[in-house]
Every structure is written in structure tokens, then in C-alpha cells.
PDB file of N, CA and C in Angstrom:
ATOM      1  N   UNK A   1      30.249 -65.482-116.808  1.00  0.00           N
ATOM      2  CA  UNK A   1      29.702 -66.839-116.779  1.00  0.00           C
ATOM      3  C   UNK A   1      30.386 -67.763-117.768  1.00  0.00           C
ATOM      4  N   UNK A   2      30.441 -68.845-117.520  1.00  0.00           N
ATOM      5  CA  UNK A   2      31.158 -69.855-118.405  1.00  0.00           C
ATOM      6  C   UNK A   2      30.385 -70.123-119.699  1.00  0.00           C
ATOM      7  N   UNK A   3      31.136 -70.275-120.776  1.00  0.00           N
ATOM      8  CA  UNK A   3      30.563 -70.588-122.130  1.00  0.00           C
ATOM      9  C   UNK A   3      29.602 -71.871-122.031  1.00  0.00           C
ATOM     10  N   UNK A   4      29.967 -72.706-121.216  1.00  0.00           N
ATOM     11  CA  UNK A   4      29.280 -74.009-121.081  1.00  0.00           C
ATOM     12  C   UNK A   4      27.864 -73.878-120.332  1.00  0.00           C
ATOM     13  N   UNK A   5      27.481 -72.657-119.817  1.00  0.00           N
ATOM     14  CA  UNK A   5      26.386 -72.540-119.032  1.00  0.00           C
ATOM     15  C   UNK A   5      25.123 -72.150-119.837  1.00  0.00           C
ATOM     16  N   UNK A   6      25.185 -72.145-121.154  1.00  0.00           N
ATOM     17  CA  UNK A   6      24.005 -71.668-121.928  1.00  0.00           C
ATOM     18  C   UNK A   6      23.333 -72.683-122.767  1.00  0.00           C
ATOM     19  N   UNK A   7      23.615 -73.983-122.465  1.00  0.00           N
ATOM     20  CA  UNK A   7      22.997 -75.106-123.187  1.00  0.00           C
ATOM     21  C   UNK A   7      23.370 -75.352-124.505  1.00  0.00           C
ATOM     22  N   UNK A   8      24.534 -75.014-124.844  1.00  0.00           N
ATOM     23  CA  UNK A   8      25.088 -75.397-126.229  1.00  0.00           C
ATOM     24  C   UNK A   8      25.557 -76.930-126.185  1.00  0.00           C
ATOM     25  N   UNK A   9      25.562 -77.524-127.411  1.00  0.00           N
ATOM     26  CA  UNK A   9      26.062 -78.837-127.467  1.00  0.00           C
ATOM     27  C   UNK A   9      27.641 -78.798-127.035  1.00  0.00           C
ATOM     28  N   UNK A  10      28.117 -79.820-126.400  1.00  0.00           N
ATOM     29  CA  UNK A  10      29.277 -79.902-125.902  1.00  0.00           C
ATOM     30  C   UNK A  10      30.429 -79.840-127.047  1.00  0.00           C
ATOM     31  N   UNK A  11      30.127 -80.386-128.230  1.00  0.00           N
ATOM     32  CA  UNK A  11      31.072 -80.032-129.338  1.00  0.00           C
ATOM     33  C   UNK A  11      31.357 -78.668-129.695  1.00  0.00           C
ATOM     34  N   UNK A  12      30.289 -77.796-129.504  1.00  0.00           N
ATOM     35  CA  UNK A  12      30.416 -76.424-129.833  1.00  0.00           C
ATOM     36  C   UNK A  12      31.057 -75.642-128.738  1.00  0.00           C
ATOM     37  N   UNK A  13      30.869 -76.119-127.351  1.00  0.00           N
ATOM     38  CA  UNK A  13      31.475 -75.461-126.358  1.00  0.00           C
ATOM     39  C   UNK A  13      33.098 -75.754-126.494  1.00  0.00           C
ATOM     40  N   UNK A  14      33.423 -76.993-126.873  1.00  0.00           N
ATOM     41  CA  UNK A  14      34.900 -77.380-127.030  1.00  0.00           C
ATOM     42  C   UNK A  14      35.497 -76.495-128.166  1.00  0.00           C
ATOM     43  N   UNK A  15      34.830 -76.216-129.272  1.00  0.00           N
ATOM     44  CA  UNK A  15      35.461 -75.290-130.187  1.00  0.00           C
ATOM     45  C   UNK A  15      35.686 -73.753-129.603  1.00  0.00           C
ATOM     46  N   UNK A  16      34.505 -73.462-128.977  1.00  0.00           N
ATOM     47  CA  UNK A  16      34.858 -72.148-128.420  1.00  0.00           C
ATOM     48  C   UNK A  16      36.069 -72.200-127.378  1.00  0.00           C
ATOM     49  N   UNK A  17      36.084 -73.208-126.545  1.00  0.00           N
ATOM     50  CA  UNK A  17      37.227 -73.305-125.655  1.00  0.00           C
ATOM     51  C   UNK A  17      38.617 -73.234-126.315  1.00  0.00           C
ATOM     52  N   UNK A  18      38.839 -73.979-127.396  1.00  0.00           N
ATOM     53  CA  UNK A  18      39.952 -74.045-128.103  1.00  0.00           C
ATOM     54  C   UNK A  18      40.263 -72.670-128.813  1.00  0.00           C
ATOM     55  N   UNK A  19      39.335 -71.925-129.023  1.00  0.00           N
ATOM     56  CA  UNK A  19      39.445 -70.443-129.582  1.00  0.00           C
ATOM     57  C   UNK A  19      39.829 -69.571-128.438  1.00  0.00           C
ATOM     58  N   UNK A  20      39.904 -70.020-127.196  1.00  0.00           N
ATOM     59  CA  UNK A  20      40.083 -68.968-126.088  1.00  0.00           C
ATOM     60  C   UNK A  20      38.843 -68.375-125.539  1.00  0.00           C
ATOM     61  N   UNK A  21      37.611 -68.880-125.925  1.00  0.00           N
ATOM     62  CA  UNK A  21      36.393 -68.331-125.457  1.00  0.00           C
ATOM     63  C   UNK A  21      35.970 -69.307-124.324  1.00  0.00           C
ATOM     64  N   UNK A  22      36.205 -68.837-123.012  1.00  0.00           N
ATOM     65  CA  UNK A  22      35.766 -69.639-121.891  1.00  0.00           C
ATOM     66  C   UNK A  22      34.645 -68.873-120.982  1.00  0.00           C
ATOM     67  N   UNK A  23      34.963 -67.612-120.812  1.00  0.00           N
ATOM     68  CA  UNK A  23      33.860 -66.791-120.065  1.00  0.00           C
ATOM     69  C   UNK A  23      33.238 -65.708-121.041  1.00  0.00           C
ATOM     70  N   UNK A  24      32.009 -65.325-120.661  1.00  0.00           N
ATOM     71  CA  UNK A  24      31.421 -64.269-121.232  1.00  0.00           C
ATOM     72  C   UNK A  24      31.565 -62.993-120.429  1.00  0.00           C
ATOM     73  N   UNK A  25      31.511 -61.847-121.153  1.00  0.00           N
ATOM     74  CA  UNK A  25      31.393 -60.711-120.304  1.00  0.00           C
ATOM     75  C   UNK A  25      30.042 -60.587-119.414  1.00  0.00           C
ATOM     76  N   UNK A  26      29.979 -59.786-118.455  1.00  0.00           N
ATOM     77  CA  UNK A  26      28.823 -59.780-117.667  1.00  0.00           C
ATOM     78  C   UNK A  26      27.696 -59.235-118.443  1.00  0.00           C
ATOM     79  N   UNK A  27      27.966 -58.330-119.281  1.00  0.00           N
ATOM     80  CA  UNK A  27      26.680 -57.779-120.074  1.00  0.00           C
ATOM     81  C   UNK A  27      26.119 -58.927-120.965  1.00  0.00           C
ATOM     82  N   UNK A  28      27.111 -59.815-121.493  1.00  0.00           N
ATOM     83  CA  UNK A  28      26.584 -60.835-122.412  1.00  0.00           C
ATOM     84  C   UNK A  28      25.803 -61.905-121.580  1.00  0.00           C
ATOM     85  N   UNK A  29      26.289 -62.205-120.326  1.00  0.00           N
ATOM     86  CA  UNK A  29      25.656 -63.187-119.569  1.00  0.00           C
ATOM     87  C   UNK A  29      24.196 -62.594-119.186  1.00  0.00           C
ATOM     88  N   UNK A  30      24.139 -61.414-118.925  1.00  0.00           N
ATOM     89  CA  UNK A  30      22.824 -60.718-118.555  1.00  0.00           C
ATOM     90  C   UNK A  30      21.824 -60.861-119.666  1.00  0.00           C
ATOM     91  N   UNK A  31      22.288 -60.582-120.850  1.00  0.00           N
ATOM     92  CA  UNK A  31      21.410 -60.597-121.964  1.00  0.00           C
ATOM     93  C   UNK A  31      20.874 -61.978-122.209  1.00  0.00           C
ATOM     94  N   UNK A  32      21.876 -62.998-122.203  1.00  0.00           N
ATOM     95  CA  UNK A  32      21.416 -64.453-122.438  1.00  0.00           C
ATOM     96  C   UNK A  32      20.612 -65.044-121.289  1.00  0.00           C
ATOM     97  N   UNK A  33      20.620 -64.343-120.136  1.00  0.00           N
ATOM     98  CA  UNK A  33      19.977 -64.934-118.868  1.00  0.00           C
ATOM     99  C   UNK A  33      18.627 -64.281-118.831  1.00  0.00           C
ATOM    100  N   UNK A  34      18.152 -63.353-119.704  1.00  0.00           N
ATOM    101  CA  UNK A  34      16.863 -62.809-119.660  1.00  0.00           C
ATOM    102  C   UNK A  34      15.895 -63.883-119.975  1.00  0.00           C
ATOM    103  N   UNK A  35      14.735 -63.933-119.197  1.00  0.00           N
ATOM    104  CA  UNK A  35      13.798 -64.926-119.488  1.00  0.00           C
ATOM    105  C   UNK A  35      13.254 -65.067-120.956  1.00  0.00           C
ATOM    106  N   UNK A  36      13.247 -66.109-121.527  1.00  0.00           N
ATOM    107  CA  UNK A  36      12.885 -66.357-122.882  1.00  0.00           C
ATOM    108  C   UNK A  36      13.680 -66.069-124.028  1.00  0.00           C
ATOM    109  N   UNK A  37      14.888 -65.455-123.805  1.00  0.00           N
ATOM    110  CA  UNK A  37      15.834 -65.100-124.912  1.00  0.00           C
ATOM    111  C   UNK A  37      16.297 -66.449-125.514  1.00  0.00           C
ATOM    112  N   UNK A  38      17.002 -67.319-124.722  1.00  0.00           N
ATOM    113  CA  UNK A  38      17.621 -68.447-125.318  1.00  0.00           C
ATOM    114  C   UNK A  38      16.474 -69.440-125.842  1.00  0.00           C
ATOM    115  N   UNK A  39      15.322 -69.468-125.260  1.00  0.00           N
ATOM    116  CA  UNK A  39      14.250 -70.364-125.697  1.00  0.00           C
ATOM    117  C   UNK A  39      13.468 -69.835-127.044  1.00  0.00           C
ATOM    118  N   UNK A  40      13.903 -68.529-127.310  1.00  0.00           N
ATOM    119  CA  UNK A  40      13.251 -68.025-128.574  1.00  0.00           C
ATOM    120  C   UNK A  40      11.882 -67.487-128.483  1.00  0.00           C
ATOM    121  N   UNK A  41      11.610 -67.202-127.118  1.00  0.00           N
ATOM    122  CA  UNK A  41      10.206 -66.725-126.779  1.00  0.00           C
ATOM    123  C   UNK A  41      10.364 -65.114-126.672  1.00  0.00           C
ATOM    124  N   UNK A  42      11.425 -64.557-126.609  1.00  0.00           N
ATOM    125  CA  UNK A  42      11.497 -63.149-126.557  1.00  0.00           C
ATOM    126  C   UNK A  42      12.525 -62.537-127.508  1.00  0.00           C
ATOM    127  N   UNK A  43      12.430 -61.406-127.909  1.00  0.00           N
ATOM    128  CA  UNK A  43      13.384 -60.840-128.666  1.00  0.00           C
ATOM    129  C   UNK A  43      14.364 -60.125-127.863  1.00  0.00           C
ATOM    130  N   UNK A  44      15.410 -59.815-128.495  1.00  0.00           N
ATOM    131  CA  UNK A  44      16.555 -59.147-127.658  1.00  0.00           C
ATOM    132  C   UNK A  44      17.216 -57.962-128.720  1.00  0.00           C
ATOM    133  N   UNK A  45      17.243 -56.918-128.034  1.00  0.00           N
ATOM    134  CA  UNK A  45      17.947 -55.813-128.753  1.00  0.00           C
ATOM    135  C   UNK A  45      19.086 -55.238-127.847  1.00  0.00           C
ATOM    136  N   UNK A  46      20.220 -55.264-128.329  1.00  0.00           N
ATOM    137  CA  UNK A  46      21.369 -54.867-127.505  1.00  0.00           C
ATOM    138  C   UNK A  46      22.329 -54.065-128.301  1.00  0.00           C
ATOM    139  N   UNK A  47      23.238 -53.214-127.733  1.00  0.00           N
ATOM    140  CA  UNK A  47      24.358 -52.563-128.450  1.00  0.00           C
ATOM    141  C   UNK A  47      25.456 -52.519-127.508  1.00  0.00           C
ATOM    142  N   UNK A  48      26.696 -52.473-128.263  1.00  0.00           N
ATOM    143  CA  UNK A  48      27.944 -52.418-127.533  1.00  0.00           C
ATOM    144  C   UNK A  48      28.878 -51.877-128.555  1.00  0.00           C
ATOM    145  N   UNK A  49      30.086 -51.408-128.067  1.00  0.00           N
ATOM    146  CA  UNK A  49      30.945 -50.857-129.072  1.00  0.00           C
ATOM    147  C   UNK A  49      31.577 -51.999-129.959  1.00  0.00           C
ATOM    148  N   UNK A  50      32.377 -51.465-131.043  1.00  0.00           N
ATOM    149  CA  UNK A  50      32.820 -52.488-131.897  1.00  0.00           C
ATOM    150  C   UNK A  50      33.899 -53.281-131.136  1.00  0.00           C
ATOM    151  N   UNK A  51      33.803 -54.552-131.497  1.00  0.00           N
ATOM    152  CA  UNK A  51      34.693 -55.605-130.808  1.00  0.00           C
ATOM    153  C   UNK A  51      34.250 -55.823-129.326  1.00  0.00           C
ATOM    154  N   UNK A  52      32.916 -55.462-129.107  1.00  0.00           N
ATOM    155  CA  UNK A  52      32.507 -55.647-127.724  1.00  0.00           C
ATOM    156  C   UNK A  52      31.898 -56.970-127.438  1.00  0.00           C
ATOM    157  N   UNK A  53      31.697 -57.785-128.466  1.00  0.00           N
ATOM    158  CA  UNK A  53      31.199 -59.095-128.178  1.00  0.00           C
ATOM    159  C   UNK A  53      29.880 -59.377-128.574  1.00  0.00           C
ATOM    160  N   UNK A  54      29.148 -58.411-129.374  1.00  0.00           N
ATOM    161  CA  UNK A  54      27.866 -58.630-129.860  1.00  0.00           C
ATOM    162  C   UNK A  54      27.613 -59.960-130.640  1.00  0.00           C
ATOM    163  N   UNK A  55      28.430 -60.235-131.473  1.00  0.00           N
ATOM    164  CA  UNK A  55      28.402 -61.357-132.587  1.00  0.00           C
ATOM    165  C   UNK A  55      28.281 -62.710-131.696  1.00  0.00           C
ATOM    166  N   UNK A  56      29.022 -62.745-130.631  1.00  0.00           N
ATOM    167  CA  UNK A  56      28.986 -64.012-129.793  1.00  0.00           C
ATOM    168  C   UNK A  56      27.626 -64.196-129.139  1.00  0.00           C
ATOM    169  N   UNK A  57      26.995 -63.214-128.694  1.00  0.00           N
ATOM    170  CA  UNK A  57      25.657 -63.244-128.148  1.00  0.00           C
ATOM    171  C   UNK A  57      24.716 -63.772-129.161  1.00  0.00           C
ATOM    172  N   UNK A  58      24.773 -63.165-130.337  1.00  0.00           N
ATOM    173  CA  UNK A  58      23.899 -63.730-131.462  1.00  0.00           C
ATOM    174  C   UNK A  58      24.090 -65.141-131.913  1.00  0.00           C
ATOM    175  N   UNK A  59      25.477 -65.578-131.887  1.00  0.00           N
ATOM    176  CA  UNK A  59      25.865 -66.860-132.321  1.00  0.00           C
ATOM    177  C   UNK A  59      25.278 -67.993-131.249  1.00  0.00           C
ATOM    178  N   UNK A  60      25.322 -67.623-129.862  1.00  0.00           N
ATOM    179  CA  UNK A  60      24.874 -68.473-128.910  1.00  0.00           C
ATOM    180  C   UNK A  60      23.313 -68.646-128.975  1.00  0.00           C
ATOM    181  N   UNK A  61      22.654 -67.464-129.146  1.00  0.00           N
ATOM    182  CA  UNK A  61      21.096 -67.662-129.402  1.00  0.00           C
ATOM    183  C   UNK A  61      20.843 -68.355-130.663  1.00  0.00           C
ATOM    184  N   UNK A  62      21.656 -68.225-131.647  1.00  0.00           N
ATOM    185  CA  UNK A  62      21.376 -68.981-133.011  1.00  0.00           C
ATOM    186  C   UNK A  62      21.700 -70.472-132.735  1.00  0.00           C
ATOM    187  N   UNK A  63      22.722 -70.776-132.185  1.00  0.00           N
ATOM    188  CA  UNK A  63      23.111 -72.241-131.991  1.00  0.00           C
ATOM    189  C   UNK A  63      22.149 -72.980-130.959  1.00  0.00           C
ATOM    190  N   UNK A  64      21.681 -72.218-129.945  1.00  0.00           N
ATOM    191  CA  UNK A  64      20.637 -72.845-129.121  1.00  0.00           C
ATOM    192  C   UNK A  64      19.382 -73.159-129.788  1.00  0.00           C
ATOM    193  N   UNK A  65      18.857 -72.244-130.626  1.00  0.00           N
ATOM    194  CA  UNK A  65      17.686 -72.471-131.389  1.00  0.00           C
ATOM    195  C   UNK A  65      17.936 -73.655-132.514  1.00  0.00           C
ATOM    196  N   UNK A  66      19.025 -73.672-133.085  1.00  0.00           N
ATOM    197  CA  UNK A  66      19.259 -74.872-134.016  1.00  0.00           C
ATOM    198  C   UNK A  66      19.163 -76.146-133.171  1.00  0.00           C
ATOM    199  N   UNK A  67      19.860 -76.220-132.042  1.00  0.00           N
ATOM    200  CA  UNK A  67      19.782 -77.362-131.172  1.00  0.00           C
ATOM    201  C   UNK A  67      18.512 -77.799-130.795  1.00  0.00           C
ATOM    202  N   UNK A  68      17.643 -76.747-130.435  1.00  0.00           N
ATOM    203  CA  UNK A  68      16.225 -76.962-129.890  1.00  0.00           C
ATOM    204  C   UNK A  68      15.283 -77.462-130.747  1.00  0.00           C
ATOM    205  N   UNK A  69      14.989 -76.935-131.999  1.00  0.00           N
ATOM    206  CA  UNK A  69      13.979 -77.366-132.780  1.00  0.00           C
ATOM    207  C   UNK A  69      14.511 -77.625-134.292  1.00  0.00           C
ATOM    208  N   UNK A  70      15.719 -77.463-134.548  1.00  0.00           N
ATOM    209  CA  UNK A  70      16.339 -77.896-135.834  1.00  0.00           C
ATOM    210  C   UNK A  70      15.926 -76.914-136.986  1.00  0.00           C
ATOM    211  N   UNK A  71      15.338 -75.723-136.644  1.00  0.00           N
ATOM    212  CA  UNK A  71      14.976 -74.720-137.608  1.00  0.00           C
ATOM    213  C   UNK A  71      16.122 -74.231-138.277  1.00  0.00           C
ATOM    214  N   UNK A  72      15.990 -73.492-139.393  1.00  0.00           N
ATOM    215  CA  UNK A  72      17.093 -72.750-139.998  1.00  0.00           C
ATOM    216  C   UNK A  72      17.360 -71.532-139.301  1.00  0.00           C
ATOM    217  N   UNK A  73      18.530 -71.031-139.523  1.00  0.00           N
ATOM    218  CA  UNK A  73      18.885 -69.656-138.901  1.00  0.00           C
ATOM    219  C   UNK A  73      19.273 -68.780-140.057  1.00  0.00           C
ATOM    220  N   UNK A  74      19.165 -67.452-140.054  1.00  0.00           N
ATOM    221  CA  UNK A  74      19.512 -66.596-141.010  1.00  0.00           C
ATOM    222  C   UNK A  74      20.512 -65.399-140.321  1.00  0.00           C
ATOM    223  N   UNK A  75      21.587 -65.231-140.823  1.00  0.00           N
ATOM    224  CA  UNK A  75      22.560 -64.238-140.235  1.00  0.00           C
ATOM    225  C   UNK A  75      22.635 -63.142-141.265  1.00  0.00           C
ATOM    226  N   UNK A  76      22.177 -62.074-141.016  1.00  0.00           N
ATOM    227  CA  UNK A  76      22.228 -60.943-142.106  1.00  0.00           C
ATOM    228  C   UNK A  76      23.508 -60.019-141.848  1.00  0.00           C
ATOM    229  N   UNK A  77      24.307 -59.869-142.823  1.00  0.00           N
ATOM    230  CA  UNK A  77      25.597 -59.067-142.613  1.00  0.00           C
ATOM    231  C   UNK A  77      25.680 -58.091-143.783  1.00  0.00           C
ATOM    232  N   UNK A  78      26.411 -56.852-143.520  1.00  0.00           N
ATOM    233  CA  UNK A  78      26.275 -55.825-144.344  1.00  0.00           C
ATOM    234  C   UNK A  78      27.162 -55.885-145.758  1.00  0.00           C
ATOM    235  N   UNK A  79      28.266 -56.726-145.619  1.00  0.00           N
ATOM    236  CA  UNK A  79      29.173 -56.674-146.743  1.00  0.00           C
ATOM    237  C   UNK A  79      29.458 -58.068-147.245  1.00  0.00           C
ATOM    238  N   UNK A  80      29.727 -58.273-148.543  1.00  0.00           N
ATOM    239  CA  UNK A  80      30.167 -59.455-149.080  1.00  0.00           C
ATOM    240  C   UNK A  80      31.268 -60.098-148.409  1.00  0.00           C
ATOM    241  N   UNK A  81      32.335 -59.189-148.234  1.00  0.00           N
ATOM    242  CA  UNK A  81      33.653 -59.722-147.497  1.00  0.00           C
ATOM    243  C   UNK A  81      33.253 -60.280-146.135  1.00  0.00           C
ATOM    244  N   UNK A  82      32.364 -59.679-145.416  1.00  0.00           N
ATOM    245  CA  UNK A  82      32.157 -60.079-144.051  1.00  0.00           C
ATOM    246  C   UNK A  82      31.374 -61.421-144.123  1.00  0.00           C
ATOM    247  N   UNK A  83      30.481 -61.519-145.193  1.00  0.00           N
ATOM    248  CA  UNK A  83      29.751 -62.747-145.305  1.00  0.00           C
ATOM    249  C   UNK A  83      30.740 -63.891-145.692  1.00  0.00           C
ATOM    250  N   UNK A  84      31.703 -63.816-146.505  1.00  0.00           N
ATOM    251  CA  UNK A  84      32.600 -64.812-146.646  1.00  0.00           C
ATOM    252  C   UNK A  84      33.441 -65.228-145.534  1.00  0.00           C
ATOM    253  N   UNK A  85      33.859 -64.149-144.754  1.00  0.00           N
ATOM    254  CA  UNK A  85      34.616 -64.478-143.518  1.00  0.00           C
ATOM    255  C   UNK A  85      33.692 -65.287-142.500  1.00  0.00           C
ATOM    256  N   UNK A  86      32.511 -64.816-142.281  1.00  0.00           N
ATOM    257  CA  UNK A  86      31.590 -65.376-141.281  1.00  0.00           C
ATOM    258  C   UNK A  86      31.208 -66.955-141.715  1.00  0.00           C
ATOM    259  N   UNK A  87      31.046 -67.070-143.042  1.00  0.00           N
ATOM    260  CA  UNK A  87      30.786 -68.342-143.549  1.00  0.00           C
ATOM    261  C   UNK A  87      31.839 -69.300-143.067  1.00  0.00           C
ATOM    262  N   UNK A  88      33.139 -69.011-143.436  1.00  0.00           N
ATOM    263  CA  UNK A  88      34.257 -69.854-143.073  1.00  0.00           C
ATOM    264  C   UNK A  88      34.239 -70.001-141.664  1.00  0.00           C
ATOM    265  N   UNK A  89      33.959 -69.133-140.801  1.00  0.00           N
ATOM    266  CA  UNK A  89      34.090 -69.161-139.265  1.00  0.00           C
ATOM    267  C   UNK A  89      33.018 -69.991-138.831  1.00  0.00           C
ATOM    268  N   UNK A  90      31.837 -69.855-139.190  1.00  0.00           N
ATOM    269  CA  UNK A  90      30.630 -70.656-138.832  1.00  0.00           C
ATOM    270  C   UNK A  90      30.729 -72.034-139.198  1.00  0.00           C
ATOM    271  N   UNK A  91      31.223 -72.337-140.324  1.00  0.00           N
ATOM    272  CA  UNK A  91      31.421 -73.757-140.964  1.00  0.00           C
ATOM    273  C   UNK A  91      32.393 -74.454-139.875  1.00  0.00           C
ATOM    274  N   UNK A  92      33.520 -73.858-139.552  1.00  0.00           N
ATOM    275  CA  UNK A  92      34.491 -74.416-138.634  1.00  0.00           C
ATOM    276  C   UNK A  92      33.980 -74.553-137.250  1.00  0.00           C
ATOM    277  N   UNK A  93      33.056 -73.689-136.833  1.00  0.00           N
ATOM    278  CA  UNK A  93      32.509 -73.735-135.528  1.00  0.00           C
ATOM    279  C   UNK A  93      31.373 -74.890-135.491  1.00  0.00           C
ATOM    280  N   UNK A  94      30.695 -74.878-136.483  1.00  0.00           N
ATOM    281  CA  UNK A  94      29.475 -75.757-136.526  1.00  0.00           C
ATOM    282  C   UNK A  94      29.813 -77.251-137.033  1.00  0.00           C
ATOM    283  N   UNK A  95      30.902 -77.434-137.694  1.00  0.00           N
ATOM    284  CA  UNK A  95      31.305 -78.743-138.260  1.00  0.00           C
ATOM    285  C   UNK A  95      31.059 -79.958-137.278  1.00  0.00           C
ATOM    286  N   UNK A  96      31.674 -79.692-136.005  1.00  0.00           N
ATOM    287  CA  UNK A  96      31.546 -80.804-134.941  1.00  0.00           C
ATOM    288  C   UNK A  96      30.027 -81.153-134.559  1.00  0.00           C
ATOM    289  N   UNK A  97      29.174 -80.161-134.745  1.00  0.00           N
ATOM    290  CA  UNK A  97      27.739 -80.231-134.287  1.00  0.00           C
ATOM    291  C   UNK A  97      26.967 -80.749-135.529  1.00  0.00           C
ATOM    292  N   UNK A  98      27.571 -80.935-136.790  1.00  0.00           N
ATOM    293  CA  UNK A  98      26.991 -81.320-137.935  1.00  0.00           C
ATOM    294  C   UNK A  98      25.868 -80.357-138.319  1.00  0.00           C
ATOM    295  N   UNK A  99      26.151 -79.064-138.216  1.00  0.00           N
ATOM    296  CA  UNK A  99      25.259 -78.109-138.672  1.00  0.00           C
ATOM    297  C   UNK A  99      25.796 -77.552-139.966  1.00  0.00           C
ATOM    298  N   UNK A 100      24.895 -77.454-141.060  1.00  0.00           N
ATOM    299  CA  UNK A 100      25.322 -77.133-142.342  1.00  0.00           C
ATOM    300  C   UNK A 100      25.250 -75.537-142.454  1.00  0.00           C
ATOM    301  N   UNK A 101      26.428 -75.022-142.838  1.00  0.00           N
ATOM    302  CA  UNK A 101      26.455 -73.452-143.083  1.00  0.00           C
ATOM    303  C   UNK A 101      26.591 -73.197-144.522  1.00  0.00           C
ATOM    304  N   UNK A 102      25.818 -72.185-145.083  1.00  0.00           N
ATOM    305  CA  UNK A 102      25.919 -71.872-146.509  1.00  0.00           C
ATOM    306  C   UNK A 102      25.657 -70.275-146.634  1.00  0.00           C
ATOM    307  N   UNK A 103      26.505 -69.613-147.412  1.00  0.00           N
ATOM    308  CA  UNK A 103      26.352 -68.250-147.567  1.00  0.00           C
ATOM    309  C   UNK A 103      25.600 -67.935-148.833  1.00  0.00           C
ATOM    310  N   UNK A 104      24.737 -66.967-148.799  1.00  0.00           N
ATOM    311  CA  UNK A 104      23.998 -66.420-150.005  1.00  0.00           C
ATOM    312  C   UNK A 104      24.295 -64.817-150.082  1.00  0.00           C
ATOM    313  N   UNK A 105      24.878 -64.441-151.218  1.00  0.00           N
ATOM    314  CA  UNK A 105      25.127 -63.176-151.400  1.00  0.00           C
ATOM    315  C   UNK A 105      25.239 -62.740-152.741  1.00  0.00           C
ATOM    316  N   UNK A 106      25.111 -61.374-153.199  1.00  0.00           N
ATOM    317  CA  UNK A 106      25.231 -61.074-154.687  1.00  0.00           C
ATOM    318  C   UNK A 106      25.198 -59.544-154.744  1.00  0.00           C
TER     319      UNK A 106
END
């Protein structure tokens, strides 16, 4: 399914496309198409191998929720080095949508 099919702001879709993300895997599309997941009415638990695309699913859910009601989002990661990487990545992804990204770790 196309990355633009999940109700993200067009500025975010454009960033994903410039990074080469145009289509989601079938399992990702199935997860995001479950009733209530993108709307925040249902929880989603999923697993996939390393580098299987789990983070993209969580990003899309998070970005949809930010666009929907403007609430804050919390991304929990296991290591400070991963937090630093993800902060830089999300800042560049979210800049066009004017979402503020800040890391907290210690």
C-alpha cells in the first residue's frame, strides 16, 4: 500500500518519498488498516524480525495521532545512542510538518 494512504500530512509523505519509502510491506499495511489503530481507539502489538519495518509502523501511528489532536507523543528506546539517532531522524522527518522533537535521556 502507498505511504500516502494513511492520512499523513503531505509534507511528511514527501519526506518519506525522498528517503525512498513509497510502499509499505503487506504486513505493515494490514496492521495500520485494522479498525481503530490509526485513530488511537485500539492498541496494536506486533512483532517482526530485525530490520523488518516495525519502526515505520510506529512512526505512522504517532504522526497520525499528532496530526489528529495535537497531543504529545513518547517514543521509548533502549539505549542513549539509539535515542540520539532517532532524535536527529525524527527532527528531519518532522521539520516540514512543524512538529517539535526533543530527546530526554540520562
